[in-house]
Amino acid sequence: MGLATISLLAALSLALAPPAQGPVAALFPPWWNATQSLSAAAGAGAIIRFGALPSIVIVQPAGEGGSAALHHLGAWAVLDPQVFGGCGATLK
């Protein structure tokens, strides 16, 4: 049972890991409104769109270290948007 749990967690961490390049899904605290989430995410790169919730923002990080910058700006997690609900309204 323990080996199965470890295998499942390893598979999930690989599937949800942010891509080395390209857009990422930044998950901010759920009590943040859309303005707070967008403001924080803009500090790390170009905003693409919201995710399924206002606290999820799809971002194109500017350069290396985009994930670390998003964490520093308040993101709880930085994930692959293709796996983690990258759907949402496109910002114009």
N, C-alpha and C. Protein backbone atom coordinates (compact mmCIF):
# COMPACT_ATOMS: atom_id res chain seq x y z
N MET A 1 0.83 -1.19 0.00
CA MET A 1 0.00 0.00 0.00
C MET A 1 0.87 1.26 0.00
N GLY A 2 1.93 1.27 0.80
CA GLY A 2 2.81 2.43 0.86
C GLY A 2 3.48 2.72 -0.46
N LEU A 3 3.92 1.66 -1.15
CA LEU A 3 4.57 1.82 -2.44
C LEU A 3 3.60 2.37 -3.48
N ALA A 4 2.35 1.92 -3.43
CA ALA A 4 1.34 2.42 -4.36
C ALA A 4 1.08 3.91 -4.12
N THR A 5 1.02 4.32 -2.87
CA THR A 5 0.79 5.73 -2.54
C THR A 5 1.95 6.59 -3.02
N ILE A 6 3.16 6.11 -2.79
CA ILE A 6 4.35 6.86 -3.22
C ILE A 6 4.38 6.97 -4.74
N SER A 7 4.03 5.90 -5.43
CA SER A 7 4.00 5.92 -6.90
C SER A 7 2.96 6.90 -7.42
N LEU A 8 1.78 6.91 -6.79
CA LEU A 8 0.73 7.83 -7.20
C LEU A 8 1.15 9.28 -6.98
N LEU A 9 1.75 9.58 -5.84
CA LEU A 9 2.20 10.94 -5.56
C LEU A 9 3.29 11.37 -6.53
N ALA A 10 4.19 10.46 -6.87
CA ALA A 10 5.25 10.79 -7.82
C ALA A 10 4.66 11.09 -9.20
N ALA A 11 3.71 10.28 -9.62
CA ALA A 11 3.07 10.50 -10.93
C ALA A 11 2.32 11.83 -10.95
N LEU A 12 1.62 12.16 -9.89
CA LEU A 12 0.89 13.43 -9.82
C LEU A 12 1.84 14.61 -9.84
N SER A 13 2.95 14.51 -9.11
CA SER A 13 3.88 15.64 -9.08
C SER A 13 4.50 15.88 -10.46
N LEU A 14 4.75 14.80 -11.20
CA LEU A 14 5.28 14.97 -12.56
C LEU A 14 4.23 15.55 -13.50
N ALA A 15 3.00 15.12 -13.37
CA ALA A 15 1.93 15.59 -14.24
C ALA A 15 1.59 17.05 -13.99
N LEU A 16 1.66 17.48 -12.75
CA LEU A 16 1.28 18.86 -12.39
C LEU A 16 2.43 19.84 -12.43
N ALA A 17 3.66 19.35 -12.59
CA ALA A 17 4.83 20.23 -12.58
C ALA A 17 4.73 21.26 -13.70
N PRO A 18 5.13 22.50 -13.43
CA PRO A 18 5.06 23.51 -14.48
C PRO A 18 6.05 23.19 -15.59
N PRO A 19 5.72 23.56 -16.82
CA PRO A 19 6.64 23.31 -17.92
C PRO A 19 7.90 24.16 -17.79
N ALA A 20 9.00 23.69 -18.37
CA ALA A 20 10.25 24.44 -18.33
C ALA A 20 10.12 25.76 -19.09
N GLN A 21 9.30 25.76 -20.14
CA GLN A 21 9.05 26.97 -20.91
C GLN A 21 7.56 27.06 -21.20
N GLY A 22 7.11 28.27 -21.43
CA GLY A 22 5.70 28.46 -21.77
C GLY A 22 4.87 28.87 -20.58
N PRO A 23 3.57 28.98 -20.80
CA PRO A 23 2.65 29.46 -19.75
C PRO A 23 2.57 28.51 -18.56
N VAL A 24 2.29 29.08 -17.41
CA VAL A 24 2.07 28.34 -16.18
C VAL A 24 0.79 28.82 -15.52
N ALA A 25 0.20 27.97 -14.69
CA ALA A 25 -0.97 28.35 -13.91
C ALA A 25 -0.51 28.69 -12.51
N ALA A 26 -0.71 29.93 -12.10
CA ALA A 26 -0.33 30.37 -10.76
C ALA A 26 -1.58 30.32 -9.87
N LEU A 27 -1.50 29.58 -8.80
CA LEU A 27 -2.62 29.43 -7.87
C LEU A 27 -2.36 30.32 -6.65
N PHE A 28 -3.14 31.39 -6.55
CA PHE A 28 -3.02 32.34 -5.45
C PHE A 28 -4.03 31.98 -4.36
N PRO A 29 -3.91 32.57 -3.17
CA PRO A 29 -4.85 32.25 -2.09
C PRO A 29 -6.30 32.43 -2.55
N PRO A 30 -7.18 31.52 -2.18
CA PRO A 30 -8.56 31.55 -2.68
C PRO A 30 -9.36 32.78 -2.22
N TRP A 31 -8.93 33.45 -1.18
CA TRP A 31 -9.66 34.63 -0.72
C TRP A 31 -9.22 35.89 -1.47
N TRP A 32 -8.20 35.79 -2.33
CA TRP A 32 -7.80 36.94 -3.14
C TRP A 32 -8.83 37.15 -4.25
N ASN A 33 -9.11 38.42 -4.52
CA ASN A 33 -10.02 38.70 -5.64
C ASN A 33 -9.19 38.76 -6.93
N ALA A 34 -9.88 38.94 -8.05
CA ALA A 34 -9.22 38.92 -9.36
C ALA A 34 -8.15 40.02 -9.47
N THR A 35 -8.42 41.18 -8.92
CA THR A 35 -7.47 42.28 -8.99
C THR A 35 -6.17 41.95 -8.26
N GLN A 36 -6.29 41.38 -7.07
CA GLN A 36 -5.09 41.00 -6.31
C GLN A 36 -4.28 39.94 -7.06
N SER A 37 -4.97 38.95 -7.59
CA SER A 37 -4.29 37.87 -8.30
C SER A 37 -3.58 38.39 -9.55
N LEU A 38 -4.28 39.22 -10.33
CA LEU A 38 -3.69 39.78 -11.54
C LEU A 38 -2.50 40.68 -11.22
N SER A 39 -2.64 41.48 -10.21
CA SER A 39 -1.56 42.40 -9.82
C SER A 39 -0.31 41.63 -9.43
N ALA A 40 -0.47 40.59 -8.65
CA ALA A 40 0.68 39.79 -8.23
C ALA A 40 1.30 39.07 -9.42
N ALA A 41 0.47 38.44 -10.25
CA ALA A 41 0.97 37.67 -11.39
C ALA A 41 1.69 38.56 -12.40
N ALA A 42 1.24 39.78 -12.57
CA ALA A 42 1.87 40.69 -13.52
C ALA A 42 3.32 41.00 -13.16
N GLY A 43 3.67 40.83 -11.90
CA GLY A 43 5.04 41.05 -11.48
C GLY A 43 6.01 39.99 -11.96
N ALA A 44 5.49 38.89 -12.50
CA ALA A 44 6.35 37.79 -12.94
C ALA A 44 6.34 37.59 -14.45
N GLY A 45 5.42 38.23 -15.14
CA GLY A 45 5.36 38.05 -16.59
C GLY A 45 4.06 38.53 -17.19
N ALA A 46 3.82 38.12 -18.41
CA ALA A 46 2.63 38.54 -19.15
C ALA A 46 1.42 37.69 -18.75
N ILE A 47 0.32 38.36 -18.46
CA ILE A 47 -0.93 37.68 -18.11
C ILE A 47 -1.58 37.18 -19.40
N ILE A 48 -2.00 35.92 -19.38
CA ILE A 48 -2.69 35.34 -20.54
C ILE A 48 -4.19 35.32 -20.29
N ARG A 49 -4.60 34.78 -19.16
CA ARG A 49 -6.03 34.69 -18.84
C ARG A 49 -6.20 34.19 -17.41
N PHE A 50 -7.45 34.18 -16.96
CA PHE A 50 -7.79 33.56 -15.69
C PHE A 50 -7.91 32.05 -15.88
N GLY A 51 -7.78 31.34 -14.80
CA GLY A 51 -8.08 29.91 -14.79
C GLY A 51 -9.54 29.73 -14.44
N ALA A 52 -9.85 28.61 -13.80
CA ALA A 52 -11.23 28.30 -13.46
C ALA A 52 -11.78 29.21 -12.35
N LEU A 53 -10.90 29.80 -11.56
CA LEU A 53 -11.28 30.69 -10.45
C LEU A 53 -10.50 31.99 -10.56
N PRO A 54 -10.97 33.07 -9.94
CA PRO A 54 -10.24 34.34 -9.99
C PRO A 54 -8.86 34.28 -9.32
N SER A 55 -8.64 33.28 -8.48
CA SER A 55 -7.34 33.16 -7.81
C SER A 55 -6.35 32.32 -8.62
N ILE A 56 -6.75 31.89 -9.81
CA ILE A 56 -5.85 31.16 -10.71
C ILE A 56 -5.62 32.03 -11.94
N VAL A 57 -4.35 32.30 -12.21
CA VAL A 57 -3.99 33.15 -13.35
C VAL A 57 -3.00 32.40 -14.22
N ILE A 58 -3.25 32.38 -15.51
CA ILE A 58 -2.33 31.77 -16.47
C ILE A 58 -1.36 32.86 -16.90
N VAL A 59 -0.08 32.59 -16.70
CA VAL A 59 0.97 33.60 -16.90
C VAL A 59 2.06 33.04 -17.81
N GLN A 60 2.61 33.91 -18.66
CA GLN A 60 3.82 33.59 -19.42
C GLN A 60 4.97 34.24 -18.67
N PRO A 61 5.73 33.47 -17.88
CA PRO A 61 6.81 34.06 -17.09
C PRO A 61 7.85 34.75 -17.97
N ALA A 62 8.40 35.82 -17.44
CA ALA A 62 9.44 36.57 -18.14
C ALA A 62 10.80 36.00 -17.72
N GLY A 63 11.41 35.22 -18.58
CA GLY A 63 12.75 34.70 -18.32
C GLY A 63 12.78 33.53 -17.35
N GLU A 64 13.99 33.19 -16.94
CA GLU A 64 14.21 32.09 -16.00
C GLU A 64 13.73 32.49 -14.61
N GLY A 65 13.35 31.52 -13.83
CA GLY A 65 12.94 31.79 -12.46
C GLY A 65 11.53 32.30 -12.31
N GLY A 66 10.71 32.13 -13.35
CA GLY A 66 9.33 32.62 -13.28
C GLY A 66 8.52 31.97 -12.18
N SER A 67 8.71 30.67 -11.98
CA SER A 67 7.98 29.97 -10.92
C SER A 67 8.37 30.50 -9.55
N ALA A 68 9.66 30.70 -9.35
CA ALA A 68 10.14 31.23 -8.06
C ALA A 68 9.61 32.64 -7.83
N ALA A 69 9.56 33.44 -8.89
CA ALA A 69 9.04 34.81 -8.76
C ALA A 69 7.57 34.78 -8.38
N LEU A 70 6.79 33.89 -8.99
CA LEU A 70 5.37 33.79 -8.66
C LEU A 70 5.17 33.36 -7.21
N HIS A 71 5.98 32.43 -6.74
CA HIS A 71 5.90 32.03 -5.32
C HIS A 71 6.22 33.21 -4.42
N HIS A 72 7.24 33.97 -4.79
CA HIS A 72 7.63 35.14 -4.00
C HIS A 72 6.51 36.20 -3.97
N LEU A 73 5.74 36.27 -5.04
CA LEU A 73 4.64 37.24 -5.15
C LEU A 73 3.34 36.76 -4.51
N GLY A 74 3.36 35.55 -3.94
CA GLY A 74 2.19 35.07 -3.21
C GLY A 74 1.53 33.83 -3.73
N ALA A 75 1.99 33.28 -4.85
CA ALA A 75 1.37 32.07 -5.40
C ALA A 75 1.64 30.89 -4.48
N TRP A 76 0.60 30.14 -4.20
CA TRP A 76 0.74 28.93 -3.38
C TRP A 76 1.36 27.81 -4.19
N ALA A 77 1.02 27.76 -5.47
CA ALA A 77 1.53 26.71 -6.35
C ALA A 77 1.63 27.25 -7.76
N VAL A 78 2.56 26.68 -8.52
CA VAL A 78 2.73 27.01 -9.93
C VAL A 78 2.68 25.68 -10.67
N LEU A 79 1.68 25.52 -11.54
CA LEU A 79 1.40 24.23 -12.15
C LEU A 79 1.30 24.33 -13.66
N ASP A 80 1.27 23.18 -14.31
CA ASP A 80 1.08 23.11 -15.76
C ASP A 80 -0.38 23.46 -16.07
N PRO A 81 -0.65 24.51 -16.84
CA PRO A 81 -2.03 24.92 -17.09
C PRO A 81 -2.81 23.91 -17.94
N GLN A 82 -2.12 23.09 -18.73
CA GLN A 82 -2.81 22.09 -19.54
C GLN A 82 -3.40 20.99 -18.67
N VAL A 83 -2.76 20.70 -17.57
CA VAL A 83 -3.23 19.65 -16.66
C VAL A 83 -4.16 20.23 -15.62
N PHE A 84 -3.88 21.45 -15.18
CA PHE A 84 -4.61 22.05 -14.07
C PHE A 84 -5.58 23.13 -14.55
N GLY A 85 -6.57 22.77 -15.30
CA GLY A 85 -7.66 23.69 -15.64
C GLY A 85 -7.22 25.00 -16.22
N GLY A 86 -6.48 24.98 -17.31
CA GLY A 86 -6.03 26.21 -17.96
C GLY A 86 -7.13 26.92 -18.71
N CYS A 87 -8.36 26.49 -18.51
CA CYS A 87 -9.46 27.13 -19.21
C CYS A 87 -9.86 28.41 -18.49
N GLY A 88 -10.53 29.23 -19.17
CA GLY A 88 -11.01 30.48 -18.58
C GLY A 88 -11.08 31.55 -19.64
N ALA A 89 -11.58 32.69 -19.27
CA ALA A 89 -11.72 33.80 -20.20
C ALA A 89 -10.37 34.37 -20.55
N THR A 90 -10.13 34.61 -21.83
CA THR A 90 -8.89 35.25 -22.27
C THR A 90 -8.98 36.74 -22.00
N LEU A 91 -7.92 37.28 -21.42
CA LEU A 91 -7.88 38.71 -21.14
C LEU A 91 -7.49 39.47 -22.40
N LYS A 92 -8.09 40.63 -22.60
CA LYS A 92 -7.77 41.42 -23.79
C LYS A 92 -7.24 42.76 -23.39
